[in-house]
């Protein structure tokens, strides 16, 4: 008679291996944030000589210095205005474009979508000089419009939303059309309420991209009253190694905090969007 050995040990070790991998992933993600916060509470000499050690004394010197040397409320207001403006425009405009490509049949739709995807293969640096010339001739330099208008649409966001919209039942759209609703009403009343995960993902990615943008503000915002938090951080960069170390790490911690909070608030929507997208 053959004896069947229990498999519970194999399953248990498999779960342990999975948990260890997940724990490793958590450490990889959390450690950079911990490293930033740890160094932001150190004196300058400890940051330079012992960057990987816990502070021997916890100080707020860096935070006091950036508050006195930078106009933080103004920098945050500028960055928040830019990021929210670009995010709202992307959610609306990219959503409308994705809805048309996913649910409205028209001649050349697939060709147009393929052409749009093809533009993603062109390096953005090639558009730098032509875009600057256009913005300058329009009189938008210096000013926020030079960053908001060109950043109002993203082909990647259109692609992501289109893939999500394709899995919304077309019967709902057809039923709304039979009831007399126009395409704008269908988009705002039918599509958007069912697309919170995808819209949340677009909002996170767009907000993070705009908030972290350094080169665009450096190019177009050449007045101190228009600076963003990234340009404010740049003011502490010097040719002397270790100078302003306390201010730099404290400013990095302050700048990073809004992005971390935003992700934790919308992480469920972010994961749900990619779980429902089919890349085909």
C-alpha atoms as a PDB file:
ATOM      1  CA  UNK A   1       0.000   0.000   0.000  1.00  0.00           C
ATOM      2  CA  UNK A   2       1.472   3.314  -1.096  1.00  0.00           C
ATOM      3  CA  UNK A   3       1.825   5.928   1.603  1.00  0.00           C
ATOM      4  CA  UNK A   4       0.921   9.441   0.515  1.00  0.00           C
ATOM      5  CA  UNK A   5       3.122  11.993   2.213  1.00  0.00           C
ATOM      6  CA  UNK A   6       1.512  15.223   3.294  1.00  0.00           C
ATOM      7  CA  UNK A   7       2.420  18.295   1.235  1.00  0.00           C
ATOM      8  CA  UNK A   8       1.878  20.874   3.907  1.00  0.00           C
ATOM      9  CA  UNK A   9       5.621  21.376   4.444  1.00  0.00           C
ATOM     10  CA  UNK A  10       6.208  22.210   0.782  1.00  0.00           C
ATOM     11  CA  UNK A  11       3.349  24.690   0.787  1.00  0.00           C
ATOM     12  CA  UNK A  12       4.596  26.263   4.012  1.00  0.00           C
ATOM     13  CA  UNK A  13       8.128  26.732   2.673  1.00  0.00           C
ATOM     14  CA  UNK A  14       6.718  28.170  -0.513  1.00  0.00           C
ATOM     15  CA  UNK A  15       4.754  30.739   1.448  1.00  0.00           C
ATOM     16  CA  UNK A  16       7.802  31.592   3.513  1.00  0.00           C
ATOM     17  CA  UNK A  17       9.793  32.187   0.331  1.00  0.00           C
ATOM     18  CA  UNK A  18       7.055  34.472  -1.012  1.00  0.00           C
ATOM     19  CA  UNK A  19       6.914  36.421   2.229  1.00  0.00           C
ATOM     20  CA  UNK A  20      10.686  36.814   2.246  1.00  0.00           C
ATOM     21  CA  UNK A  21      10.606  38.182  -1.298  1.00  0.00           C
ATOM     22  CA  UNK A  22       7.822  40.590  -0.363  1.00  0.00           C
ATOM     23  CA  UNK A  23       9.773  41.675   2.701  1.00  0.00           C
ATOM     24  CA  UNK A  24      12.828  42.292   0.538  1.00  0.00           C
ATOM     25  CA  UNK A  25      10.701  44.394  -1.817  1.00  0.00           C
ATOM     26  CA  UNK A  26       9.368  46.431   1.111  1.00  0.00           C
ATOM     27  CA  UNK A  27      12.904  47.092   2.336  1.00  0.00           C
ATOM     28  CA  UNK A  28      14.044  48.170  -1.130  1.00  0.00           C
ATOM     29  CA  UNK A  29      11.142  50.628  -1.379  1.00  0.00           C
ATOM     30  CA  UNK A  30      11.158  51.954   2.188  1.00  0.00           C
ATOM     31  CA  UNK A  31      14.909  52.299   2.726  1.00  0.00           C
ATOM     32  CA  UNK A  32      15.409  55.329   0.400  1.00  0.00           C
ATOM     33  CA  UNK A  33      12.637  57.188   2.244  1.00  0.00           C
ATOM     34  CA  UNK A  34      14.133  56.248   5.600  1.00  0.00           C
ATOM     35  CA  UNK A  35      17.578  57.325   4.344  1.00  0.00           C
ATOM     36  CA  UNK A  36      16.232  60.746   3.351  1.00  0.00           C
ATOM     37  CA  UNK A  37      14.443  61.332   6.654  1.00  0.00           C
ATOM     38  CA  UNK A  38      17.386  60.056   8.682  1.00  0.00           C
ATOM     39  CA  UNK A  39      19.864  62.430   7.056  1.00  0.00           C
ATOM     40  CA  UNK A  40      17.470  65.375   7.172  1.00  0.00           C
ATOM     41  CA  UNK A  41      17.684  65.314  10.996  1.00  0.00           C
ATOM     42  CA  UNK A  42      21.508  65.140  11.167  1.00  0.00           C
ATOM     43  CA  UNK A  43      24.086  67.911  11.582  1.00  0.00           C
ATOM     44  CA  UNK A  44      26.067  68.679   8.452  1.00  0.00           C
ATOM     45  CA  UNK A  45      29.253  66.943   9.599  1.00  0.00           C
ATOM     46  CA  UNK A  46      27.427  63.674  10.294  1.00  0.00           C
ATOM     47  CA  UNK A  47      25.739  63.762   6.888  1.00  0.00           C
ATOM     48  CA  UNK A  48      29.120  64.018   5.193  1.00  0.00           C
ATOM     49  CA  UNK A  49      31.113  61.535   7.280  1.00  0.00           C
ATOM     50  CA  UNK A  50      28.444  59.053   8.452  1.00  0.00           C
ATOM     51  CA  UNK A  51      25.589  59.106   5.935  1.00  0.00           C
ATOM     52  CA  UNK A  52      24.486  55.519   6.681  1.00  0.00           C
ATOM     53  CA  UNK A  53      24.391  55.791  10.461  1.00  0.00           C
ATOM     54  CA  UNK A  54      21.537  56.873  12.679  1.00  0.00           C
ATOM     55  CA  UNK A  55      21.928  60.435  13.977  1.00  0.00           C
ATOM     56  CA  UNK A  56      23.881  60.759  17.204  1.00  0.00           C
ATOM     57  CA  UNK A  57      21.678  63.771  17.882  1.00  0.00           C
ATOM     58  CA  UNK A  58      18.416  64.670  16.183  1.00  0.00           C
ATOM     59  CA  UNK A  59      18.399  68.300  15.059  1.00  0.00           C
ATOM     60  CA  UNK A  60      16.035  70.495  13.053  1.00  0.00           C
ATOM     61  CA  UNK A  61      18.739  72.808  11.740  1.00  0.00           C
ATOM     62  CA  UNK A  62      18.137  71.900   8.101  1.00  0.00           C
ATOM     63  CA  UNK A  63      14.402  72.552   8.341  1.00  0.00           C
ATOM     64  CA  UNK A  64      14.922  75.902  10.077  1.00  0.00           C
ATOM     65  CA  UNK A  65      17.459  76.962   7.460  1.00  0.00           C
ATOM     66  CA  UNK A  66      15.298  76.149   4.439  1.00  0.00           C
ATOM     67  CA  UNK A  67      12.366  77.967   6.060  1.00  0.00           C
ATOM     68  CA  UNK A  68      14.478  81.106   6.561  1.00  0.00           C
ATOM     69  CA  UNK A  69      16.399  80.950   3.273  1.00  0.00           C
ATOM     70  CA  UNK A  70      13.579  79.895   0.950  1.00  0.00           C
ATOM     71  CA  UNK A  71      10.067  81.202   0.474  1.00  0.00           C
ATOM     72  CA  UNK A  72       8.612  77.732   0.963  1.00  0.00           C
ATOM     73  CA  UNK A  73       4.905  78.704   0.854  1.00  0.00           C
ATOM     74  CA  UNK A  74       5.450  80.428  -2.489  1.00  0.00           C
ATOM     75  CA  UNK A  75       7.483  77.536  -3.904  1.00  0.00           C
ATOM     76  CA  UNK A  76       4.865  75.004  -2.835  1.00  0.00           C
ATOM     77  CA  UNK A  77       2.042  77.155  -4.206  1.00  0.00           C
ATOM     78  CA  UNK A  78       3.767  77.410  -7.604  1.00  0.00           C
ATOM     79  CA  UNK A  79       4.520  73.693  -7.774  1.00  0.00           C
ATOM     80  CA  UNK A  80       1.028  72.771  -6.632  1.00  0.00           C
ATOM     81  CA  UNK A  81      -0.584  75.098  -9.175  1.00  0.00           C
ATOM     82  CA  UNK A  82       1.484  73.648 -12.003  1.00  0.00           C
ATOM     83  CA  UNK A  83       0.994  70.023 -10.964  1.00  0.00           C
ATOM     84  CA  UNK A  84      -2.761  70.341 -10.408  1.00  0.00           C
ATOM     85  CA  UNK A  85      -3.294  72.265 -13.648  1.00  0.00           C
ATOM     86  CA  UNK A  86      -1.409  69.718 -15.731  1.00  0.00           C
ATOM     87  CA  UNK A  87      -3.069  66.809 -13.914  1.00  0.00           C
ATOM     88  CA  UNK A  88      -6.636  68.089 -14.367  1.00  0.00           C
ATOM     89  CA  UNK A  89      -6.069  68.881 -18.048  1.00  0.00           C
ATOM     90  CA  UNK A  90      -4.550  65.455 -18.647  1.00  0.00           C
ATOM     91  CA  UNK A  91      -7.391  63.620 -16.946  1.00  0.00           C
ATOM     92  CA  UNK A  92     -10.022  65.472 -19.001  1.00  0.00           C
ATOM     93  CA  UNK A  93      -8.314  65.831 -22.388  1.00  0.00           C
ATOM     94  CA  UNK A  94      -6.595  62.453 -22.418  1.00  0.00           C
ATOM     95  CA  UNK A  95      -9.838  60.856 -21.267  1.00  0.00           C
ATOM     96  CA  UNK A  96     -11.793  62.457 -24.115  1.00  0.00           C
ATOM     97  CA  UNK A  97      -9.202  61.359 -26.668  1.00  0.00           C
ATOM     98  CA  UNK A  98      -9.085  57.825 -25.259  1.00  0.00           C
ATOM     99  CA  UNK A  99     -12.887  57.596 -25.278  1.00  0.00           C
ATOM    100  CA  UNK A 100     -13.002  58.601 -28.941  1.00  0.00           C
ATOM    101  CA  UNK A 101     -10.342  56.034 -29.847  1.00  0.00           C
ATOM    102  CA  UNK A 102     -11.999  53.279 -27.835  1.00  0.00           C
ATOM    103  CA  UNK A 103     -15.758  53.780 -28.290  1.00  0.00           C
ATOM    104  CA  UNK A 104     -16.445  56.039 -31.278  1.00  0.00           C
ATOM    105  CA  UNK A 105     -15.976  54.331 -34.662  1.00  0.00           C
ATOM    106  CA  UNK A 106     -14.635  56.688 -37.319  1.00  0.00           C
ATOM    107  CA  UNK A 107     -12.526  56.218 -40.464  1.00  0.00           C
ATOM    108  CA  UNK A 108      -8.787  55.962 -39.800  1.00  0.00           C
ATOM    109  CA  UNK A 109      -9.167  55.467 -36.061  1.00  0.00           C
ATOM    110  CA  UNK A 110      -6.611  52.663 -35.811  1.00  0.00           C
ATOM    111  CA  UNK A 111      -4.193  54.473 -38.128  1.00  0.00           C
ATOM    112  CA  UNK A 112      -4.421  57.594 -35.990  1.00  0.00           C
ATOM    113  CA  UNK A 113      -3.828  55.579 -32.822  1.00  0.00           C
ATOM    114  CA  UNK A 114      -0.816  53.871 -34.380  1.00  0.00           C
ATOM    115  CA  UNK A 115       0.610  57.230 -35.414  1.00  0.00           C
ATOM    116  CA  UNK A 116       0.162  58.537 -31.869  1.00  0.00           C
ATOM    117  CA  UNK A 117       1.991  55.522 -30.455  1.00  0.00           C
ATOM    118  CA  UNK A 118       4.768  56.087 -32.983  1.00  0.00           C
ATOM    119  CA  UNK A 119       5.390  59.565 -31.578  1.00  0.00           C
ATOM    120  CA  UNK A 120       6.343  57.970 -28.258  1.00  0.00           C
ATOM    121  CA  UNK A 121       9.489  56.595 -29.904  1.00  0.00           C
ATOM    122  CA  UNK A 122      10.757  60.104 -30.725  1.00  0.00           C
ATOM    123  CA  UNK A 123      13.085  61.455 -27.993  1.00  0.00           C
ATOM    124  CA  UNK A 124      11.499  64.440 -26.282  1.00  0.00           C
ATOM    125  CA  UNK A 125      14.801  66.345 -26.406  1.00  0.00           C
ATOM    126  CA  UNK A 126      14.278  66.824 -30.157  1.00  0.00           C
ATOM    127  CA  UNK A 127      11.235  69.016 -29.463  1.00  0.00           C
ATOM    128  CA  UNK A 128      13.037  71.169 -26.906  1.00  0.00           C
ATOM    129  CA  UNK A 129      14.238  73.987 -29.169  1.00  0.00           C
ATOM    130  CA  UNK A 130      11.122  74.172 -31.419  1.00  0.00           C
ATOM    131  CA  UNK A 131       8.844  74.205 -28.365  1.00  0.00           C
ATOM    132  CA  UNK A 132      10.855  76.932 -26.691  1.00  0.00           C
ATOM    133  CA  UNK A 133      10.803  79.071 -29.844  1.00  0.00           C
ATOM    134  CA  UNK A 134       7.020  78.693 -30.115  1.00  0.00           C
ATOM    135  CA  UNK A 135       6.475  79.527 -26.439  1.00  0.00           C
ATOM    136  CA  UNK A 136       8.787  82.542 -26.702  1.00  0.00           C
ATOM    137  CA  UNK A 137       7.104  83.929 -29.812  1.00  0.00           C
ATOM    138  CA  UNK A 138       3.712  83.545 -28.157  1.00  0.00           C
ATOM    139  CA  UNK A 139       4.980  85.645 -25.264  1.00  0.00           C
ATOM    140  CA  UNK A 140       4.530  82.886 -22.718  1.00  0.00           C
ATOM    141  CA  UNK A 141       8.150  82.979 -21.481  1.00  0.00           C
ATOM    142  CA  UNK A 142       8.535  83.408 -18.565  1.00  0.00           C
ATOM    143  CA  UNK A 143       5.232  82.045 -17.356  1.00  0.00           C
ATOM    144  CA  UNK A 144       3.348  78.963 -16.268  1.00  0.00           C
ATOM    145  CA  UNK A 145       1.509  78.632 -19.594  1.00  0.00           C
ATOM    146  CA  UNK A 146       4.724  77.484 -21.272  1.00  0.00           C
ATOM    147  CA  UNK A 147       4.658  74.414 -19.035  1.00  0.00           C
ATOM    148  CA  UNK A 148       0.905  73.830 -18.663  1.00  0.00           C
ATOM    149  CA  UNK A 149      -0.214  73.966 -22.306  1.00  0.00           C
ATOM    150  CA  UNK A 150       2.430  71.626 -23.822  1.00  0.00           C
ATOM    151  CA  UNK A 151       1.977  69.244 -20.882  1.00  0.00           C
ATOM    152  CA  UNK A 152      -1.827  69.161 -21.102  1.00  0.00           C
ATOM    153  CA  UNK A 153      -1.858  65.969 -23.202  1.00  0.00           C
ATOM    154  CA  UNK A 154       0.154  62.764 -22.900  1.00  0.00           C
ATOM    155  CA  UNK A 155       0.127  59.976 -25.468  1.00  0.00           C
ATOM    156  CA  UNK A 156       1.003  57.407 -22.810  1.00  0.00           C
ATOM    157  CA  UNK A 157      -1.987  58.464 -20.723  1.00  0.00           C
ATOM    158  CA  UNK A 158      -4.230  58.238 -23.780  1.00  0.00           C
ATOM    159  CA  UNK A 159      -2.943  54.731 -24.440  1.00  0.00           C
ATOM    160  CA  UNK A 160      -3.493  53.666 -20.833  1.00  0.00           C
ATOM    161  CA  UNK A 161      -7.033  55.069 -20.693  1.00  0.00           C
ATOM    162  CA  UNK A 162      -7.949  53.651 -24.093  1.00  0.00           C
ATOM    163  CA  UNK A 163      -6.956  50.157 -23.010  1.00  0.00           C
ATOM    164  CA  UNK A 164      -9.100  50.541 -19.897  1.00  0.00           C
ATOM    165  CA  UNK A 165     -12.088  52.016 -21.756  1.00  0.00           C
ATOM    166  CA  UNK A 166     -12.106  49.139 -24.232  1.00  0.00           C
ATOM    167  CA  UNK A 167     -13.150  46.779 -21.446  1.00  0.00           C
ATOM    168  CA  UNK A 168     -16.161  48.862 -20.472  1.00  0.00           C
ATOM    169  CA  UNK A 169     -19.204  47.133 -22.061  1.00  0.00           C
ATOM    170  CA  UNK A 170     -20.171  48.856 -25.297  1.00  0.00           C
ATOM    171  CA  UNK A 171     -23.818  48.012 -24.553  1.00  0.00           C
ATOM    172  CA  UNK A 172     -23.827  50.724 -21.872  1.00  0.00           C
ATOM    173  CA  UNK A 173     -22.623  53.303 -24.374  1.00  0.00           C
ATOM    174  CA  UNK A 174     -25.142  52.220 -26.987  1.00  0.00           C
ATOM    175  CA  UNK A 175     -27.960  52.323 -24.417  1.00  0.00           C
ATOM    176  CA  UNK A 176     -27.011  55.878 -23.495  1.00  0.00           C
ATOM    177  CA  UNK A 177     -27.004  56.878 -27.169  1.00  0.00           C
ATOM    178  CA  UNK A 178     -30.444  55.377 -27.639  1.00  0.00           C
ATOM    179  CA  UNK A 179     -31.646  57.452 -24.689  1.00  0.00           C
ATOM    180  CA  UNK A 180     -30.522  60.578 -26.535  1.00  0.00           C
ATOM    181  CA  UNK A 181     -27.300  61.320 -24.696  1.00  0.00           C
ATOM    182  CA  UNK A 182     -24.527  62.950 -26.711  1.00  0.00           C
ATOM    183  CA  UNK A 183     -20.922  61.789 -26.573  1.00  0.00           C
ATOM    184  CA  UNK A 184     -19.868  64.394 -24.003  1.00  0.00           C
ATOM    185  CA  UNK A 185     -22.677  63.357 -21.658  1.00  0.00           C
ATOM    186  CA  UNK A 186     -21.803  59.684 -22.144  1.00  0.00           C
ATOM    187  CA  UNK A 187     -18.183  60.395 -21.314  1.00  0.00           C
ATOM    188  CA  UNK A 188     -18.854  62.323 -18.113  1.00  0.00           C
ATOM    189  CA  UNK A 189     -21.888  60.375 -16.877  1.00  0.00           C
ATOM    190  CA  UNK A 190     -21.105  56.813 -17.952  1.00  0.00           C
ATOM    191  CA  UNK A 191     -17.411  56.380 -18.700  1.00  0.00           C
ATOM    192  CA  UNK A 192     -15.751  58.489 -16.005  1.00  0.00           C
ATOM    193  CA  UNK A 193     -17.663  57.026 -13.014  1.00  0.00           C
ATOM    194  CA  UNK A 194     -16.602  53.535 -14.157  1.00  0.00           C
ATOM    195  CA  UNK A 195     -12.970  54.508 -14.729  1.00  0.00           C
ATOM    196  CA  UNK A 196     -11.795  55.675 -11.324  1.00  0.00           C
ATOM    197  CA  UNK A 197      -8.795  53.294 -11.165  1.00  0.00           C
ATOM    198  CA  UNK A 198      -7.477  54.381 -14.559  1.00  0.00           C
ATOM    199  CA  UNK A 199      -8.113  58.055 -13.857  1.00  0.00           C
ATOM    200  CA  UNK A 200      -6.441  57.732 -10.461  1.00  0.00           C
ATOM    201  CA  UNK A 201      -3.395  56.185 -12.122  1.00  0.00           C
ATOM    202  CA  UNK A 202      -3.201  58.969 -14.701  1.00  0.00           C
ATOM    203  CA  UNK A 203      -3.549  61.538 -11.931  1.00  0.00           C
ATOM    204  CA  UNK A 204      -0.720  59.971  -9.883  1.00  0.00           C
ATOM    205  CA  UNK A 205       1.696  59.635 -12.797  1.00  0.00           C
ATOM    206  CA  UNK A 206       0.972  63.109 -14.155  1.00  0.00           C
ATOM    207  CA  UNK A 207       1.155  64.833 -10.778  1.00  0.00           C
ATOM    208  CA  UNK A 208       4.444  63.115  -9.945  1.00  0.00           C
ATOM    209  CA  UNK A 209       5.927  63.971 -13.328  1.00  0.00           C
ATOM    210  CA  UNK A 210       4.962  67.635 -13.036  1.00  0.00           C
ATOM    211  CA  UNK A 211       5.999  67.937  -9.388  1.00  0.00           C
ATOM    212  CA  UNK A 212       9.421  66.382 -10.053  1.00  0.00           C
ATOM    213  CA  UNK A 213      10.046  68.300 -13.277  1.00  0.00           C
ATOM    214  CA  UNK A 214      13.239  70.301 -13.015  1.00  0.00           C
ATOM    215  CA  UNK A 215      14.403  71.085 -16.532  1.00  0.00           C
ATOM    216  CA  UNK A 216      11.105  72.605 -17.696  1.00  0.00           C
ATOM    217  CA  UNK A 217      10.852  75.154 -14.850  1.00  0.00           C
ATOM    218  CA  UNK A 218      14.576  75.872 -15.172  1.00  0.00           C
ATOM    219  CA  UNK A 219      14.042  76.720 -18.840  1.00  0.00           C
ATOM    220  CA  UNK A 220      10.783  78.672 -18.668  1.00  0.00           C
ATOM    221  CA  UNK A 221      10.545  80.105 -15.132  1.00  0.00           C
ATOM    222  CA  UNK A 222      13.506  82.467 -14.859  1.00  0.00           C
ATOM    223  CA  UNK A 223      11.957  84.741 -12.227  1.00  0.00           C
ATOM    224  CA  UNK A 224      12.322  83.953  -8.502  1.00  0.00           C
ATOM    225  CA  UNK A 225       8.610  84.551  -7.855  1.00  0.00           C
ATOM    226  CA  UNK A 226       7.813  81.784 -10.367  1.00  0.00           C
ATOM    227  CA  UNK A 227      10.220  79.161  -9.022  1.00  0.00           C
ATOM    228  CA  UNK A 228       9.033  75.706  -8.044  1.00  0.00           C
ATOM    229  CA  UNK A 229      10.269  73.509  -5.192  1.00  0.00           C
ATOM    230  CA  UNK A 230      12.754  71.819  -7.513  1.00  0.00           C
ATOM    231  CA  UNK A 231      14.321  75.146  -8.455  1.00  0.00           C
ATOM    232  CA  UNK A 232      14.348  76.111  -4.795  1.00  0.00           C
ATOM    233  CA  UNK A 233      16.319  72.965  -3.996  1.00  0.00           C
ATOM    234  CA  UNK A 234      18.733  73.789  -6.817  1.00  0.00           C
ATOM    235  CA  UNK A 235      19.702  77.022  -5.074  1.00  0.00           C
ATOM    236  CA  UNK A 236      21.603  75.005  -2.447  1.00  0.00           C
ATOM    237  CA  UNK A 237      23.870  73.354  -5.002  1.00  0.00           C
ATOM    238  CA  UNK A 238      27.415  74.741  -4.803  1.00  0.00           C
ATOM    239  CA  UNK A 239      30.883  73.791  -5.990  1.00  0.00           C
ATOM    240  CA  UNK A 240      32.005  73.149  -2.389  1.00  0.00           C
ATOM    241  CA  UNK A 241      31.481  69.468  -1.410  1.00  0.00           C
ATOM    242  CA  UNK A 242      29.209  69.089   1.590  1.00  0.00           C
ATOM    243  CA  UNK A 243      28.193  72.726   1.771  1.00  0.00           C
ATOM    244  CA  UNK A 244      24.487  73.224   2.550  1.00  0.00           C
ATOM    245  CA  UNK A 245      24.124  69.483   3.228  1.00  0.00           C
ATOM    246  CA  UNK A 246      21.589  70.085   5.990  1.00  0.00           C
ATOM    247  CA  UNK A 247      19.421  72.284   3.767  1.00  0.00           C
ATOM    248  CA  UNK A 248      19.613  69.884   0.834  1.00  0.00           C
ATOM    249  CA  UNK A 249      18.463  66.829   2.771  1.00  0.00           C
ATOM    250  CA  UNK A 250      15.748  68.722   4.637  1.00  0.00           C
ATOM    251  CA  UNK A 251      14.465  70.176   1.350  1.00  0.00           C
ATOM    252  CA  UNK A 252      14.472  66.730  -0.282  1.00  0.00           C
ATOM    253  CA  UNK A 253      12.388  65.372   2.605  1.00  0.00           C
ATOM    254  CA  UNK A 254       9.882  68.227   2.365  1.00  0.00           C
ATOM    255  CA  UNK A 255       9.583  67.900  -1.416  1.00  0.00           C
ATOM    256  CA  UNK A 256       9.158  64.116  -1.315  1.00  0.00           C
ATOM    257  CA  UNK A 257       6.451  64.046   1.374  1.00  0.00           C
ATOM    258  CA  UNK A 258       3.512  65.205  -0.853  1.00  0.00           C
ATOM    259  CA  UNK A 259       4.255  62.505  -3.423  1.00  0.00           C
ATOM    260  CA  UNK A 260       4.381  59.775  -0.791  1.00  0.00           C
ATOM    261  CA  UNK A 261       1.073  60.921   0.696  1.00  0.00           C
ATOM    262  CA  UNK A 262      -0.544  61.108  -2.751  1.00  0.00           C
ATOM    263  CA  UNK A 263       0.502  57.582  -3.619  1.00  0.00           C
ATOM    264  CA  UNK A 264      -0.730  56.114  -0.336  1.00  0.00           C
ATOM    265  CA  UNK A 265      -4.084  57.857  -0.779  1.00  0.00           C
ATOM    266  CA  UNK A 266      -4.575  56.552  -4.331  1.00  0.00           C
ATOM    267  CA  UNK A 267      -2.622  53.288  -4.291  1.00  0.00           C
ATOM    268  CA  UNK A 268      -5.769  51.126  -4.503  1.00  0.00           C
ATOM    269  CA  UNK A 269      -6.859  52.901  -7.677  1.00  0.00           C
ATOM    270  CA  UNK A 270      -3.334  52.640  -9.084  1.00  0.00           C
ATOM    271  CA  UNK A 271      -3.143  48.860  -8.652  1.00  0.00           C
ATOM    272  CA  UNK A 272      -6.720  48.311  -9.841  1.00  0.00           C
ATOM    273  CA  UNK A 273      -6.036  50.163 -13.081  1.00  0.00           C
ATOM    274  CA  UNK A 274      -3.084  48.005 -14.090  1.00  0.00           C
ATOM    275  CA  UNK A 275      -4.917  44.877 -12.975  1.00  0.00           C
ATOM    276  CA  UNK A 276      -7.730  45.646 -15.440  1.00  0.00           C
ATOM    277  CA  UNK A 277      -5.674  46.909 -18.375  1.00  0.00           C
ATOM    278  CA  UNK A 278      -5.023  44.478 -21.222  1.00  0.00           C
ATOM    279  CA  UNK A 279      -2.119  45.486 -23.438  1.00  0.00           C
ATOM    280  CA  UNK A 280      -3.419  44.255 -26.739  1.00  0.00           C
END
